[in-house]
Protein backbone atom coordinates (compact mmCIF):
# COMPACT_ATOMS: atom_id res chain seq x y z
CA MET A 1 63.97 47.46 120.06
CA LEU A 2 61.88 45.97 117.28
CA ASN A 3 58.16 46.51 117.10
CA TYR A 4 56.26 43.73 115.32
CA HIS A 5 52.85 45.29 115.88
CA LYS A 6 50.75 46.52 112.97
CA TYR A 7 51.61 50.06 111.93
CA GLU A 8 48.99 52.59 113.00
CA PRO A 9 49.06 55.97 111.24
CA THR A 10 49.81 59.00 113.39
CA GLU A 11 48.38 62.49 113.24
CA PHE A 12 51.28 63.68 111.07
CA ARG A 13 50.51 64.61 107.49
CA LEU A 14 54.14 64.68 106.41
CA PRO A 15 55.83 61.50 105.13
CA LEU A 16 56.85 59.48 108.18
CA ILE A 17 60.35 58.04 107.79
CA GLY A 18 60.90 56.60 111.29
CA GLU A 19 59.00 56.17 114.53
CA SER A 20 59.51 54.49 117.88
CA SER A 21 58.40 55.12 121.43
CA TYR A 22 61.42 57.46 121.72
CA PHE A 23 61.23 59.60 118.57
CA ARG A 24 59.34 60.35 115.35
CA SER A 25 60.99 61.61 112.14
CA VAL A 26 59.23 63.08 109.12
CA LEU A 27 60.51 64.27 105.76
CA SER A 28 59.43 67.75 104.67
CA GLU A 29 59.98 69.97 101.68
CA ILE A 30 61.40 73.30 102.77
CA LYS A 31 59.23 76.29 101.96
CA PRO A 32 58.52 79.46 103.90
CA MET A 33 56.94 78.27 107.15
CA LYS A 34 56.83 78.62 110.91
CA LEU A 35 57.69 75.51 112.91
CA THR A 36 56.72 75.15 116.58
CA ALA A 37 58.05 72.61 119.08
CA SER A 38 55.56 71.27 121.61
CA LYS A 39 55.89 72.41 125.21
CA ALA A 40 56.91 68.85 126.11
CA SER A 41 59.90 68.37 123.79
CA PHE A 42 62.42 69.94 121.43
CA LYS A 43 62.57 69.39 117.65
CA ALA A 44 65.71 68.61 115.64
CA ILE A 45 65.79 69.97 112.07
CA SER A 46 68.33 68.31 109.75
CA ILE A 47 68.85 69.86 106.31
CA LEU A 48 69.25 67.30 103.51
CA ASP A 49 69.67 69.73 100.59
CA GLY A 50 68.97 73.31 99.55
CA SER A 51 69.74 76.63 101.19
CA GLY A 52 68.00 79.39 103.09
CA PHE A 53 67.55 80.68 106.63
CA VAL A 54 66.24 79.46 109.99
CA ASP A 55 65.47 82.59 112.03
CA ASP A 56 67.98 84.58 109.95
CA ILE A 57 70.72 81.95 110.44
CA PRO A 58 71.87 80.63 107.04
CA TYR A 59 71.60 76.91 106.33
CA SER A 60 72.87 74.54 103.64
CA LYS A 61 73.12 70.77 103.16
CA GLY A 62 74.24 69.01 106.34
CA CYS A 63 73.20 71.69 108.86
CA THR A 64 71.19 70.71 111.95
CA PHE A 65 69.20 73.01 114.22
CA PHE A 66 67.61 72.28 117.59
CA LEU A 67 64.35 74.07 118.39
CA PRO A 68 63.80 74.24 122.18
CA ALA A 69 60.50 73.03 123.67
CA GLY A 70 57.71 75.57 123.33
CA ARG A 71 59.60 77.75 120.83
CA THR A 72 58.79 78.73 117.24
CA CYS A 73 61.20 79.38 114.37
CA GLU A 74 60.72 80.77 110.88
CA ILE A 75 62.16 78.81 107.96
CA LYS A 76 62.78 80.45 104.58
CA GLY A 77 64.40 78.81 101.57
CA THR A 78 64.29 75.66 99.49
CA GLY A 79 65.30 72.04 99.83
CA HIS A 80 64.33 69.11 102.03
CA MET A 81 64.64 68.50 105.77
CA VAL A 82 64.05 65.81 108.36
CA ILE A 83 62.16 66.96 111.46
CA THR A 84 62.63 64.75 114.52
CA GLU A 85 60.81 65.02 117.84
CA VAL A 86 60.04 62.98 120.94
CA PRO A 87 56.34 62.00 120.87
CA ALA A 88 54.22 63.16 123.79
């Protein structure tokens, strides 16, 4: 589905790389952080490069993690990731 309406910025501060009425994807540098999924939807975390840990599970380029709705995970390491979620 194509959207020809003028782009309106969202509340996200991370670089937006894709958005529709079904999902929103942002690019983020990986650094030590806690990531929380809203109570309404899960988040998908796709690792583009680097290495480290998501809740003590090792990651490297190509790994994908799903964070259940309402849950928080701790990310440690370096690299870049795409975070995708269903907007509320």
